[in-house]
Amino acid sequence: MVDNGIKWRAMPADFPPWDRVYAFFRRWRDHGLVKEFHDRLRGRVRMSLGRDAEPTAGLIDSQSVKADAVVGADSRGFDGGKLVNGRKRHVVVDTLGLLLGVMVTAADTGDRAAAQVLLERVSDAHHRLALIWADGGYTGSLVDYCLATLALILTIVKRSDDNKGFVVLPKRWIVERLFAWLMRTRRLARDFERRTTSAEAMIYWSMTLLMTRRLARSRPKPA
């Protein structure tokens, strides 16, 4: 299923015609229903684990992924650090690794510039959020901006100069695990969507599937 009118035709046999499925997807995407379904489930998952529905702390990071040929030049770019030609997924997660917000941009978009927009959206939606952990790519004026404008404490988790090679930093593994969860969804192995809003909706769908499975497993079995 891709919003280019072609790959949507490859639907399972027990589904309605592809154009009707896409019409529902487009309607839910444009009216914010995909995100609303996701957010309600996230609150249920948090409460099932003994947490408050609204988080007070989270983490921010980004992931660059290759883009399919259907992705236009207006929303794709080259990430020189990761050597990826495609798009970048900027995410904010809670301390359980559940998604609080996502923004998809061209891969050459700077992390700090995208974080300023994304954190504003997330803080507007989650008024109890007070602390965000981030890696060294988010240092600089963003720290002061978050505190002065968003009332958010942006704490940078720095890598020690003594560490060599791949190192799992405190707290940072939580958001890295989210990226691993997303990559289990074959559809998200690369970006296939023409529109960034469709790419964001697919990420919300992936996390929705993960959370519904968790909630189904947590139900008590009948006696």
N, C-alpha and C. Protein backbone atom coordinates (compact mmCIF):
# COMPACT_ATOMS: atom_id res chain seq x y z
N MET A 1 0.83 -1.20 0.00
CA MET A 1 0.00 0.00 0.00
C MET A 1 0.87 1.24 0.00
N VAL A 2 0.81 1.99 -1.04
CA VAL A 2 1.55 3.24 -1.14
C VAL A 2 0.62 4.27 -1.73
N ASP A 3 0.75 5.53 -1.28
CA ASP A 3 -0.19 6.54 -1.73
C ASP A 3 0.15 7.07 -3.11
N ASN A 4 0.52 6.19 -4.03
CA ASN A 4 0.74 6.59 -5.41
C ASN A 4 -0.27 5.94 -6.35
N GLY A 5 -1.26 5.25 -5.78
CA GLY A 5 -2.31 4.67 -6.60
C GLY A 5 -1.91 3.43 -7.33
N ILE A 6 -0.70 2.92 -7.12
CA ILE A 6 -0.23 1.73 -7.84
C ILE A 6 -0.08 0.57 -6.88
N LYS A 7 0.80 0.72 -5.89
CA LYS A 7 1.06 -0.39 -4.98
C LYS A 7 -0.12 -0.65 -4.05
N TRP A 8 -1.07 0.30 -3.98
CA TRP A 8 -2.28 0.03 -3.20
C TRP A 8 -3.09 -1.09 -3.84
N ARG A 9 -2.87 -1.38 -5.11
CA ARG A 9 -3.67 -2.40 -5.80
C ARG A 9 -3.32 -3.81 -5.32
N ALA A 10 -2.15 -3.99 -4.72
CA ALA A 10 -1.73 -5.30 -4.25
C ALA A 10 -2.28 -5.53 -2.85
N MET A 11 -3.61 -5.77 -2.75
CA MET A 11 -4.27 -5.94 -1.47
C MET A 11 -4.57 -7.40 -1.21
N PRO A 12 -4.64 -7.83 0.07
CA PRO A 12 -5.05 -9.20 0.37
C PRO A 12 -6.43 -9.51 -0.21
N ALA A 13 -6.67 -10.77 -0.49
CA ALA A 13 -7.90 -11.16 -1.19
C ALA A 13 -9.15 -10.85 -0.39
N ASP A 14 -9.08 -10.87 0.95
CA ASP A 14 -10.27 -10.65 1.77
C ASP A 14 -10.49 -9.18 2.12
N PHE A 15 -9.73 -8.27 1.49
CA PHE A 15 -9.92 -6.84 1.70
C PHE A 15 -10.86 -6.27 0.65
N PRO A 16 -11.47 -5.13 0.93
CA PRO A 16 -12.27 -4.44 -0.10
C PRO A 16 -11.38 -3.99 -1.25
N PRO A 17 -11.95 -3.47 -2.33
CA PRO A 17 -11.12 -2.94 -3.43
C PRO A 17 -10.13 -1.90 -2.93
N TRP A 18 -8.96 -1.84 -3.57
CA TRP A 18 -7.86 -1.00 -3.09
C TRP A 18 -8.26 0.47 -2.99
N ASP A 19 -9.11 0.95 -3.92
CA ASP A 19 -9.44 2.36 -3.88
C ASP A 19 -10.29 2.72 -2.67
N ARG A 20 -11.11 1.77 -2.18
CA ARG A 20 -11.90 2.03 -0.98
C ARG A 20 -11.01 2.01 0.27
N VAL A 21 -10.05 1.08 0.31
CA VAL A 21 -9.12 1.02 1.45
C VAL A 21 -8.30 2.31 1.51
N TYR A 22 -7.80 2.74 0.36
CA TYR A 22 -7.02 3.97 0.33
C TYR A 22 -7.86 5.19 0.71
N ALA A 23 -9.13 5.20 0.31
CA ALA A 23 -10.00 6.32 0.66
C ALA A 23 -10.16 6.44 2.17
N PHE A 24 -10.31 5.30 2.87
CA PHE A 24 -10.41 5.33 4.32
C PHE A 24 -9.09 5.78 4.94
N PHE A 25 -7.98 5.24 4.43
CA PHE A 25 -6.67 5.64 4.95
C PHE A 25 -6.46 7.14 4.80
N ARG A 26 -6.77 7.67 3.62
CA ARG A 26 -6.57 9.10 3.36
C ARG A 26 -7.45 9.95 4.27
N ARG A 27 -8.69 9.52 4.48
CA ARG A 27 -9.61 10.27 5.33
C ARG A 27 -9.12 10.26 6.78
N TRP A 28 -8.72 9.09 7.26
CA TRP A 28 -8.24 8.99 8.66
C TRP A 28 -6.94 9.78 8.84
N ARG A 29 -6.08 9.73 7.83
CA ARG A 29 -4.82 10.48 7.89
C ARG A 29 -5.08 11.98 7.94
N ASP A 30 -5.90 12.49 7.04
CA ASP A 30 -6.11 13.92 6.92
C ASP A 30 -6.91 14.50 8.09
N HIS A 31 -7.75 13.68 8.73
CA HIS A 31 -8.55 14.15 9.86
C HIS A 31 -7.89 13.85 11.21
N GLY A 32 -6.68 13.32 11.18
CA GLY A 32 -5.95 13.07 12.42
C GLY A 32 -6.43 11.87 13.21
N LEU A 33 -7.25 11.01 12.58
CA LEU A 33 -7.79 9.86 13.32
C LEU A 33 -6.74 8.79 13.58
N VAL A 34 -5.80 8.62 12.67
CA VAL A 34 -4.74 7.63 12.88
C VAL A 34 -3.97 7.96 14.15
N LYS A 35 -3.60 9.22 14.32
CA LYS A 35 -2.88 9.64 15.51
C LYS A 35 -3.76 9.54 16.75
N GLU A 36 -5.04 9.87 16.62
CA GLU A 36 -5.94 9.79 17.78
C GLU A 36 -6.08 8.35 18.27
N PHE A 37 -6.27 7.40 17.34
CA PHE A 37 -6.33 5.99 17.73
C PHE A 37 -5.07 5.60 18.47
N HIS A 38 -3.93 5.98 17.89
CA HIS A 38 -2.63 5.65 18.47
C HIS A 38 -2.49 6.22 19.88
N ASP A 39 -2.83 7.49 20.05
CA ASP A 39 -2.63 8.16 21.34
C ASP A 39 -3.51 7.56 22.43
N ARG A 40 -4.73 7.18 22.08
CA ARG A 40 -5.61 6.55 23.08
C ARG A 40 -5.04 5.21 23.53
N LEU A 41 -4.50 4.46 22.59
CA LEU A 41 -3.90 3.17 22.95
C LEU A 41 -2.66 3.36 23.82
N ARG A 42 -1.86 4.38 23.51
CA ARG A 42 -0.66 4.62 24.31
C ARG A 42 -1.03 4.89 25.76
N GLY A 43 -2.08 5.68 25.99
CA GLY A 43 -2.53 5.92 27.36
C GLY A 43 -2.96 4.64 28.05
N ARG A 44 -3.64 3.76 27.30
CA ARG A 44 -4.08 2.48 27.87
C ARG A 44 -2.88 1.61 28.24
N VAL A 45 -1.87 1.57 27.37
CA VAL A 45 -0.68 0.77 27.64
C VAL A 45 0.05 1.31 28.87
N ARG A 46 0.20 2.61 28.97
CA ARG A 46 0.89 3.20 30.11
C ARG A 46 0.15 2.86 31.41
N MET A 47 -1.17 2.99 31.42
CA MET A 47 -1.93 2.70 32.64
C MET A 47 -1.89 1.23 32.99
N SER A 48 -1.83 0.36 31.97
CA SER A 48 -1.74 -1.08 32.25
C SER A 48 -0.43 -1.44 32.92
N LEU A 49 0.58 -0.58 32.77
CA LEU A 49 1.88 -0.80 33.40
C LEU A 49 2.05 0.00 34.68
N GLY A 50 0.95 0.56 35.16
CA GLY A 50 0.99 1.30 36.40
C GLY A 50 1.49 2.72 36.28
N ARG A 51 1.55 3.25 35.07
CA ARG A 51 1.99 4.62 34.85
C ARG A 51 0.79 5.54 34.63
N ASP A 52 1.01 6.83 34.82
CA ASP A 52 -0.01 7.81 34.47
C ASP A 52 -0.13 7.85 32.95
N ALA A 53 -1.33 8.16 32.45
CA ALA A 53 -1.54 8.19 31.00
C ALA A 53 -0.67 9.23 30.32
N GLU A 54 -0.37 10.32 31.03
CA GLU A 54 0.45 11.39 30.45
C GLU A 54 1.88 11.32 31.01
N PRO A 55 2.88 11.33 30.14
CA PRO A 55 4.28 11.23 30.58
C PRO A 55 4.82 12.57 31.09
N THR A 56 5.87 12.50 31.88
CA THR A 56 6.56 13.70 32.35
C THR A 56 7.97 13.81 31.77
N ALA A 57 8.47 12.74 31.15
CA ALA A 57 9.81 12.75 30.58
C ALA A 57 9.82 11.96 29.28
N GLY A 58 10.76 12.30 28.42
CA GLY A 58 10.85 11.61 27.15
C GLY A 58 12.23 11.75 26.54
N LEU A 59 12.37 11.27 25.30
CA LEU A 59 13.63 11.31 24.57
C LEU A 59 13.35 11.70 23.13
N ILE A 60 14.34 12.33 22.50
CA ILE A 60 14.21 12.72 21.10
C ILE A 60 15.41 12.20 20.32
N ASP A 61 15.16 11.80 19.08
CA ASP A 61 16.24 11.34 18.20
C ASP A 61 15.70 11.31 16.78
N SER A 62 16.57 10.96 15.83
CA SER A 62 16.15 10.88 14.44
C SER A 62 16.75 9.64 13.79
N GLN A 63 16.11 9.22 12.70
CA GLN A 63 16.56 8.04 11.95
C GLN A 63 16.44 8.36 10.47
N SER A 64 17.53 8.22 9.73
CA SER A 64 17.51 8.44 8.29
C SER A 64 17.28 7.10 7.58
N VAL A 65 16.38 7.10 6.59
CA VAL A 65 16.07 5.89 5.84
C VAL A 65 16.08 6.19 4.35
N LYS A 66 16.40 5.22 3.57
CA LYS A 66 16.39 5.38 2.12
C LYS A 66 14.96 5.57 1.63
N ALA A 67 14.82 6.33 0.57
CA ALA A 67 13.50 6.61 0.00
C ALA A 67 13.31 5.86 -1.31
N ASP A 68 12.09 5.40 -1.54
CA ASP A 68 11.74 4.74 -2.79
C ASP A 68 11.71 5.76 -3.92
N ALA A 69 11.65 5.24 -5.14
CA ALA A 69 11.67 6.13 -6.30
C ALA A 69 10.46 7.04 -6.38
N VAL A 70 9.35 6.67 -5.72
CA VAL A 70 8.15 7.51 -5.79
C VAL A 70 8.28 8.78 -4.96
N VAL A 71 9.27 8.84 -4.07
CA VAL A 71 9.46 10.02 -3.22
C VAL A 71 10.09 11.13 -4.05
N GLY A 72 9.41 12.28 -4.11
CA GLY A 72 9.88 13.38 -4.93
C GLY A 72 11.05 14.12 -4.34
N ALA A 73 11.70 14.92 -5.18
CA ALA A 73 12.87 15.69 -4.76
C ALA A 73 12.51 16.76 -3.74
N ASP A 74 11.24 17.14 -3.66
CA ASP A 74 10.84 18.19 -2.73
C ASP A 74 10.84 17.72 -1.28
N SER A 75 10.85 16.40 -1.05
CA SER A 75 10.82 15.91 0.33
C SER A 75 11.88 14.84 0.59
N ARG A 76 12.93 14.84 -0.20
CA ARG A 76 14.03 13.92 0.03
C ARG A 76 15.34 14.70 -0.01
N GLY A 77 16.36 14.14 0.61
CA GLY A 77 17.66 14.79 0.64
C GLY A 77 18.73 13.80 1.02
N PHE A 78 19.96 14.28 1.14
CA PHE A 78 21.09 13.40 1.45
C PHE A 78 21.63 13.72 2.82
N ASP A 79 21.62 12.71 3.70
CA ASP A 79 22.20 12.82 5.04
C ASP A 79 23.67 12.47 4.94
N GLY A 80 24.54 13.50 5.00
CA GLY A 80 25.97 13.25 4.84
C GLY A 80 26.58 12.45 5.97
N GLY A 81 26.00 12.55 7.17
CA GLY A 81 26.53 11.80 8.30
C GLY A 81 26.26 10.31 8.20
N LYS A 82 25.04 9.97 7.76
CA LYS A 82 24.65 8.56 7.65
C LYS A 82 24.81 8.03 6.23
N LEU A 83 25.13 8.93 5.28
CA LEU A 83 25.28 8.55 3.86
C LEU A 83 24.01 7.91 3.33
N VAL A 84 22.88 8.55 3.62
CA VAL A 84 21.57 8.05 3.22
C VAL A 84 20.88 9.08 2.35
N ASN A 85 20.40 8.65 1.20
CA ASN A 85 19.61 9.50 0.32
C ASN A 85 18.14 9.15 0.53
N GLY A 86 17.41 10.02 1.19
CA GLY A 86 16.01 9.71 1.46
C GLY A 86 15.37 10.68 2.42
N ARG A 87 14.76 10.14 3.45
CA ARG A 87 14.05 10.95 4.43
C ARG A 87 14.56 10.67 5.83
N LYS A 88 14.16 11.57 6.74
CA LYS A 88 14.57 11.44 8.14
C LYS A 88 13.32 11.44 9.02
N ARG A 89 13.28 10.48 9.96
CA ARG A 89 12.18 10.38 10.92
C ARG A 89 12.63 10.96 12.26
N HIS A 90 12.03 12.05 12.64
CA HIS A 90 12.32 12.68 13.93
C HIS A 90 11.24 12.22 14.91
N VAL A 91 11.64 11.65 16.04
CA VAL A 91 10.66 11.09 16.97
C VAL A 91 10.92 11.57 18.39
N VAL A 92 9.84 11.67 19.15
CA VAL A 92 9.91 11.86 20.60
C VAL A 92 9.18 10.69 21.23
N VAL A 93 9.80 10.04 22.21
CA VAL A 93 9.19 8.88 22.87
C VAL A 93 9.16 9.12 24.37
N ASP A 94 8.30 8.37 25.08
CA ASP A 94 8.30 8.43 26.53
C ASP A 94 9.36 7.48 27.07
N THR A 95 9.46 7.33 28.38
CA THR A 95 10.51 6.50 28.96
C THR A 95 10.23 5.01 28.80
N LEU A 96 9.06 4.66 28.29
CA LEU A 96 8.76 3.27 27.95
C LEU A 96 9.08 2.96 26.50
N GLY A 97 9.46 3.99 25.74
CA GLY A 97 9.75 3.82 24.33
C GLY A 97 8.53 3.97 23.45
N LEU A 98 7.41 4.43 24.01
CA LEU A 98 6.19 4.62 23.23
C LEU A 98 6.21 5.99 22.56
N LEU A 99 5.67 6.05 21.38
CA LEU A 99 5.77 7.25 20.55
C LEU A 99 4.88 8.38 21.07
N LEU A 100 5.48 9.57 21.21
CA LEU A 100 4.73 10.77 21.59
C LEU A 100 4.52 11.69 20.40
N GLY A 101 5.42 11.64 19.44
CA GLY A 101 5.28 12.49 18.26
C GLY A 101 6.30 12.11 17.21
N VAL A 102 5.96 12.33 15.94
CA VAL A 102 6.86 12.02 14.83
C VAL A 102 6.72 13.09 13.76
N MET A 103 7.82 13.41 13.13
CA MET A 103 7.82 14.33 12.00
C MET A 103 8.79 13.80 10.96
N VAL A 104 8.34 13.64 9.72
CA VAL A 104 9.17 13.13 8.63
C VAL A 104 9.58 14.28 7.74
N THR A 105 10.89 14.38 7.49
CA THR A 105 11.44 15.44 6.65
C THR A 105 12.41 14.85 5.64
N ALA A 106 12.93 15.70 4.78
CA ALA A 106 14.04 15.29 3.93
C ALA A 106 15.24 14.94 4.81
N ALA A 107 16.06 14.02 4.34
CA ALA A 107 17.16 13.52 5.17
C ALA A 107 18.22 14.57 5.45
N ASP A 108 18.26 15.65 4.67
CA ASP A 108 19.27 16.68 4.92
C ASP A 108 18.79 17.75 5.89
N THR A 109 17.63 17.57 6.50
CA THR A 109 17.13 18.52 7.50
C THR A 109 17.91 18.35 8.80
N GLY A 110 18.35 19.44 9.37
CA GLY A 110 19.12 19.39 10.61
C GLY A 110 18.27 18.94 11.79
N ASP A 111 18.88 18.19 12.70
CA ASP A 111 18.15 17.67 13.86
C ASP A 111 17.62 18.79 14.75
N ARG A 112 18.42 19.81 14.96
CA ARG A 112 17.99 20.90 15.86
C ARG A 112 16.83 21.68 15.27
N ALA A 113 16.87 21.94 13.97
CA ALA A 113 15.77 22.68 13.33
C ALA A 113 14.47 21.89 13.40
N ALA A 114 14.54 20.60 13.13
CA ALA A 114 13.33 19.77 13.19
C ALA A 114 12.85 19.61 14.62
N ALA A 115 13.81 19.48 15.56
CA ALA A 115 13.43 19.29 16.97
C ALA A 115 12.67 20.48 17.51
N GLN A 116 13.01 21.68 17.08
CA GLN A 116 12.32 22.87 17.56
C GLN A 116 10.84 22.82 17.21
N VAL A 117 10.53 22.36 16.00
CA VAL A 117 9.13 22.25 15.56
C VAL A 117 8.44 21.09 16.26
N LEU A 118 9.11 19.93 16.28
CA LEU A 118 8.49 18.74 16.85
C LEU A 118 8.26 18.87 18.34
N LEU A 119 9.23 19.40 19.07
CA LEU A 119 9.07 19.54 20.51
C LEU A 119 7.96 20.53 20.87
N GLU A 120 7.77 21.53 20.03
CA GLU A 120 6.66 22.46 20.27
C GLU A 120 5.32 21.74 20.13
N ARG A 121 5.20 20.89 19.12
CA ARG A 121 3.97 20.12 18.93
C ARG A 121 3.74 19.17 20.11
N VAL A 122 4.79 18.48 20.50
CA VAL A 122 4.66 17.49 21.56
C VAL A 122 4.34 18.14 22.90
N SER A 123 4.99 19.26 23.20
CA SER A 123 4.73 19.94 24.47
C SER A 123 3.32 20.52 24.51
N ASP A 124 2.79 20.93 23.37
CA ASP A 124 1.40 21.41 23.31
C ASP A 124 0.41 20.29 23.61
N ALA A 125 0.75 19.07 23.16
CA ALA A 125 -0.16 17.94 23.35
C ALA A 125 0.01 17.26 24.70
N HIS A 126 1.18 17.42 25.33
CA HIS A 126 1.47 16.73 26.60
C HIS A 126 1.96 17.77 27.60
N HIS A 127 1.03 18.35 28.33
CA HIS A 127 1.35 19.49 29.19
C HIS A 127 2.17 19.10 30.42
N ARG A 128 2.20 17.81 30.78
CA ARG A 128 2.99 17.40 31.94
C ARG A 128 4.45 17.13 31.59
N LEU A 129 4.75 17.12 30.32
CA LEU A 129 6.11 16.82 29.87
C LEU A 129 7.06 17.92 30.31
N ALA A 130 8.10 17.55 31.06
CA ALA A 130 9.01 18.55 31.62
C ALA A 130 10.48 18.29 31.29
N LEU A 131 10.84 17.06 30.93
CA LEU A 131 12.24 16.70 30.72
C LEU A 131 12.39 15.88 29.45
N ILE A 132 13.38 16.25 28.63
CA ILE A 132 13.68 15.52 27.40
C ILE A 132 15.18 15.21 27.37
N TRP A 133 15.53 13.95 27.14
CA TRP A 133 16.93 13.57 26.95
C TRP A 133 17.24 13.54 25.45
N ALA A 134 18.45 13.94 25.10
CA ALA A 134 18.87 13.97 23.70
C ALA A 134 20.36 13.71 23.60
N ASP A 135 20.82 13.39 22.39
CA ASP A 135 22.25 13.17 22.22
C ASP A 135 22.95 14.47 21.84
N GLY A 136 24.24 14.39 21.58
CA GLY A 136 25.04 15.58 21.34
C GLY A 136 24.65 16.38 20.11
N GLY A 137 23.87 15.78 19.21
CA GLY A 137 23.45 16.50 18.02
C GLY A 137 22.43 17.59 18.29
N TYR A 138 21.92 17.65 19.51
CA TYR A 138 20.90 18.64 19.85
C TYR A 138 21.42 19.73 20.78
N THR A 139 22.73 19.86 20.89
CA THR A 139 23.30 20.90 21.74
C THR A 139 23.14 22.27 21.07
N GLY A 140 23.52 23.31 21.81
CA GLY A 140 23.47 24.65 21.24
C GLY A 140 22.26 25.43 21.72
N SER A 141 21.77 26.31 20.86
CA SER A 141 20.68 27.22 21.22
C SER A 141 19.38 26.50 21.50
N LEU A 142 19.22 25.25 21.02
CA LEU A 142 17.99 24.50 21.24
C LEU A 142 17.73 24.30 22.73
N VAL A 143 18.79 24.11 23.51
CA VAL A 143 18.63 23.90 24.95
C VAL A 143 17.97 25.12 25.60
N ASP A 144 18.47 26.31 25.26
CA ASP A 144 17.89 27.54 25.82
C ASP A 144 16.48 27.78 25.29
N TYR A 145 16.26 27.46 24.02
CA TYR A 145 14.94 27.65 23.42
C TYR A 145 13.90 26.80 24.14
N CYS A 146 14.23 25.54 24.39
CA CYS A 146 13.29 24.64 25.04
C CYS A 146 12.90 25.14 26.43
N LEU A 147 13.90 25.63 27.17
CA LEU A 147 13.63 26.09 28.52
C LEU A 147 12.83 27.39 28.53
N ALA A 148 13.21 28.33 27.68
CA ALA A 148 12.57 29.65 27.69
C ALA A 148 11.20 29.64 27.03
N THR A 149 11.03 28.88 25.96
CA THR A 149 9.80 28.94 25.18
C THR A 149 8.83 27.81 25.49
N LEU A 150 9.37 26.62 25.73
CA LEU A 150 8.51 25.45 25.90
C LEU A 150 8.46 24.95 27.34
N ALA A 151 9.24 25.56 28.24
CA ALA A 151 9.32 25.11 29.64
C ALA A 151 9.74 23.65 29.72
N LEU A 152 10.66 23.26 28.82
CA LEU A 152 11.19 21.91 28.78
C LEU A 152 12.67 21.95 29.12
N ILE A 153 13.10 21.02 29.97
CA ILE A 153 14.53 20.87 30.26
C ILE A 153 15.10 19.85 29.27
N LEU A 154 15.96 20.32 28.38
CA LEU A 154 16.60 19.45 27.40
C LEU A 154 17.96 19.04 27.94
N THR A 155 18.10 17.77 28.32
CA THR A 155 19.34 17.25 28.91
C THR A 155 20.11 16.46 27.87
N ILE A 156 21.34 16.85 27.63
CA ILE A 156 22.17 16.18 26.64
C ILE A 156 22.92 15.03 27.28
N VAL A 157 22.72 13.83 26.75
CA VAL A 157 23.45 12.64 27.20
C VAL A 157 24.71 12.53 26.35
N LYS A 158 25.84 12.89 26.94
CA LYS A 158 27.08 12.98 26.17
C LYS A 158 27.83 11.65 26.17
N ARG A 159 28.51 11.43 25.08
CA ARG A 159 29.38 10.26 24.94
C ARG A 159 30.75 10.60 25.51
N SER A 160 31.28 9.72 26.32
CA SER A 160 32.60 9.95 26.91
C SER A 160 33.68 9.81 25.85
N ASP A 161 34.70 10.65 25.96
CA ASP A 161 35.83 10.58 25.02
C ASP A 161 36.60 9.27 25.15
N ASP A 162 36.42 8.59 26.30
CA ASP A 162 37.14 7.33 26.52
C ASP A 162 36.48 6.16 25.80
N ASN A 163 35.21 6.34 25.40
CA ASN A 163 34.49 5.25 24.75
C ASN A 163 34.88 5.15 23.28
N LYS A 164 35.16 3.94 22.86
CA LYS A 164 35.51 3.68 21.46
C LYS A 164 34.47 2.75 20.84
N GLY A 165 34.20 2.95 19.54
CA GLY A 165 33.26 2.09 18.84
C GLY A 165 31.82 2.35 19.27
N PHE A 166 30.98 1.32 19.09
CA PHE A 166 29.56 1.46 19.41
C PHE A 166 29.35 1.33 20.92
N VAL A 167 28.67 2.32 21.50
CA VAL A 167 28.42 2.35 22.93
C VAL A 167 26.95 2.66 23.16
N VAL A 168 26.30 1.89 24.04
CA VAL A 168 24.93 2.17 24.42
C VAL A 168 24.94 3.18 25.56
N LEU A 169 24.45 4.38 25.30
CA LEU A 169 24.46 5.44 26.29
C LEU A 169 23.24 5.35 27.19
N PRO A 170 23.37 5.83 28.45
CA PRO A 170 22.22 5.81 29.36
C PRO A 170 21.03 6.55 28.76
N LYS A 171 19.86 5.96 28.88
CA LYS A 171 18.59 6.49 28.38
C LYS A 171 18.47 6.42 26.86
N ARG A 172 19.58 6.55 26.14
CA ARG A 172 19.52 6.62 24.68
C ARG A 172 19.02 5.31 24.09
N TRP A 173 19.24 4.19 24.76
CA TRP A 173 18.81 2.90 24.22
C TRP A 173 17.29 2.84 24.07
N ILE A 174 16.57 3.65 24.84
CA ILE A 174 15.10 3.59 24.80
C ILE A 174 14.59 4.02 23.43
N VAL A 175 15.11 5.12 22.92
CA VAL A 175 14.65 5.59 21.61
C VAL A 175 15.24 4.74 20.49
N GLU A 176 16.44 4.20 20.69
CA GLU A 176 17.02 3.30 19.68
C GLU A 176 16.17 2.04 19.56
N ARG A 177 15.60 1.60 20.68
CA ARG A 177 14.73 0.42 20.63
C ARG A 177 13.48 0.71 19.81
N LEU A 178 12.95 1.93 19.89
CA LEU A 178 11.79 2.27 19.07
C LEU A 178 12.12 2.13 17.59
N PHE A 179 13.30 2.59 17.17
CA PHE A 179 13.68 2.46 15.77
C PHE A 179 13.76 0.98 15.38
N ALA A 180 14.23 0.15 16.30
CA ALA A 180 14.28 -1.29 16.02
C ALA A 180 12.87 -1.85 15.86
N TRP A 181 11.93 -1.41 16.71
CA TRP A 181 10.54 -1.84 16.57
C TRP A 181 9.98 -1.44 15.21
N LEU A 182 10.25 -0.21 14.79
CA LEU A 182 9.73 0.26 13.50
C LEU A 182 10.29 -0.57 12.35
N MET A 183 11.56 -0.92 12.41
CA MET A 183 12.17 -1.65 11.30
C MET A 183 11.67 -3.09 11.20
N ARG A 184 11.00 -3.58 12.26
CA ARG A 184 10.37 -4.90 12.16
C ARG A 184 9.17 -4.86 11.23
N THR A 185 8.61 -3.67 11.04
CA THR A 185 7.53 -3.51 10.08
C THR A 185 8.15 -3.36 8.70
N ARG A 186 7.98 -4.36 7.87
CA ARG A 186 8.66 -4.39 6.57
C ARG A 186 8.37 -3.14 5.75
N ARG A 187 7.18 -2.61 5.93
CA ARG A 187 6.77 -1.42 5.19
C ARG A 187 7.66 -0.20 5.53
N LEU A 188 8.27 -0.21 6.71
CA LEU A 188 9.06 0.93 7.15
C LEU A 188 10.56 0.74 6.96
N ALA A 189 10.95 -0.37 6.29
CA ALA A 189 12.38 -0.60 6.05
C ALA A 189 12.98 0.51 5.20
N ARG A 190 12.14 1.11 4.36
CA ARG A 190 12.49 2.33 3.63
C ARG A 190 11.22 3.15 3.48
N ASP A 191 11.33 4.37 2.98
CA ASP A 191 10.16 5.23 2.86
C ASP A 191 9.56 5.08 1.47
N PHE A 192 8.31 4.59 1.42
CA PHE A 192 7.63 4.35 0.15
C PHE A 192 6.56 5.40 -0.16
N GLU A 193 6.36 6.38 0.70
CA GLU A 193 5.21 7.27 0.57
C GLU A 193 5.55 8.55 -0.19
N ARG A 194 4.62 8.98 -1.04
CA ARG A 194 4.80 10.25 -1.74
C ARG A 194 4.76 11.42 -0.77
N ARG A 195 3.83 11.36 0.20
CA ARG A 195 3.61 12.46 1.12
C ARG A 195 4.22 12.14 2.49
N THR A 196 4.83 13.14 3.10
CA THR A 196 5.39 12.92 4.43
C THR A 196 4.30 12.63 5.46
N THR A 197 3.10 13.17 5.25
CA THR A 197 2.00 12.88 6.19
C THR A 197 1.62 11.41 6.13
N SER A 198 1.70 10.80 4.95
CA SER A 198 1.44 9.36 4.85
C SER A 198 2.54 8.56 5.54
N ALA A 199 3.79 9.01 5.40
CA ALA A 199 4.90 8.33 6.08
C ALA A 199 4.73 8.39 7.59
N GLU A 200 4.29 9.54 8.10
CA GLU A 200 4.05 9.66 9.53
C GLU A 200 2.91 8.77 9.98
N ALA A 201 1.84 8.71 9.17
CA ALA A 201 0.70 7.86 9.50
C ALA A 201 1.10 6.39 9.56
N MET A 202 1.98 5.96 8.67
CA MET A 202 2.43 4.57 8.68
C MET A 202 3.21 4.25 9.94
N ILE A 203 3.97 5.21 10.46
CA ILE A 203 4.70 5.00 11.71
C ILE A 203 3.73 4.87 12.87
N TYR A 204 2.70 5.72 12.89
CA TYR A 204 1.68 5.59 13.93
C TYR A 204 0.97 4.24 13.83
N TRP A 205 0.69 3.76 12.62
CA TRP A 205 0.04 2.46 12.45
C TRP A 205 0.93 1.34 13.00
N SER A 206 2.24 1.42 12.72
CA SER A 206 3.15 0.39 13.19
C SER A 206 3.14 0.30 14.71
N MET A 207 3.17 1.46 15.38
CA MET A 207 3.15 1.47 16.84
C MET A 207 1.78 1.07 17.38
N THR A 208 0.72 1.38 16.63
CA THR A 208 -0.62 0.94 17.03
C THR A 208 -0.70 -0.58 17.06
N LEU A 209 -0.14 -1.22 16.05
CA LEU A 209 -0.14 -2.69 16.02
C LEU A 209 0.64 -3.26 17.20
N LEU A 210 1.79 -2.65 17.50
CA LEU A 210 2.59 -3.13 18.63
C LEU A 210 1.82 -3.00 19.94
N MET A 211 1.13 -1.88 20.13
CA MET A 211 0.43 -1.65 21.40
C MET A 211 -0.81 -2.52 21.53
N THR A 212 -1.52 -2.76 20.43
CA THR A 212 -2.70 -3.64 20.52
C THR A 212 -2.28 -5.07 20.89
N ARG A 213 -1.14 -5.52 20.38
CA ARG A 213 -0.65 -6.85 20.76
C ARG A 213 -0.32 -6.89 22.24
N ARG A 214 0.30 -5.84 22.75
CA ARG A 214 0.64 -5.79 24.17
C ARG A 214 -0.62 -5.83 25.03
N LEU A 215 -1.61 -5.04 24.66
CA LEU A 215 -2.84 -5.00 25.44
C LEU A 215 -3.57 -6.33 25.38
N ALA A 216 -3.53 -7.00 24.21
CA ALA A 216 -4.19 -8.30 24.08
C ALA A 216 -3.52 -9.33 24.97
N ARG A 217 -2.18 -9.29 25.06
CA ARG A 217 -1.47 -10.25 25.90
C ARG A 217 -1.71 -9.99 27.39
N SER A 218 -1.97 -8.73 27.74
CA SER A 218 -2.13 -8.39 29.16
C SER A 218 -3.51 -8.68 29.71
N ARG A 219 -4.47 -9.07 28.85
CA ARG A 219 -5.81 -9.36 29.33
C ARG A 219 -5.81 -10.63 30.16
N PRO A 220 -6.51 -10.63 31.28
CA PRO A 220 -6.58 -11.87 32.10
C PRO A 220 -7.35 -12.96 31.37
N LYS A 221 -6.86 -14.18 31.46
CA LYS A 221 -7.52 -15.30 30.79
C LYS A 221 -8.77 -15.70 31.55
N PRO A 222 -9.84 -16.07 30.84
CA PRO A 222 -11.07 -16.49 31.53
C PRO A 222 -10.86 -17.75 32.36
N ALA A 223 -11.53 -17.81 33.49
CA ALA A 223 -11.37 -18.97 34.39
C ALA A 223 -11.97 -20.23 33.76
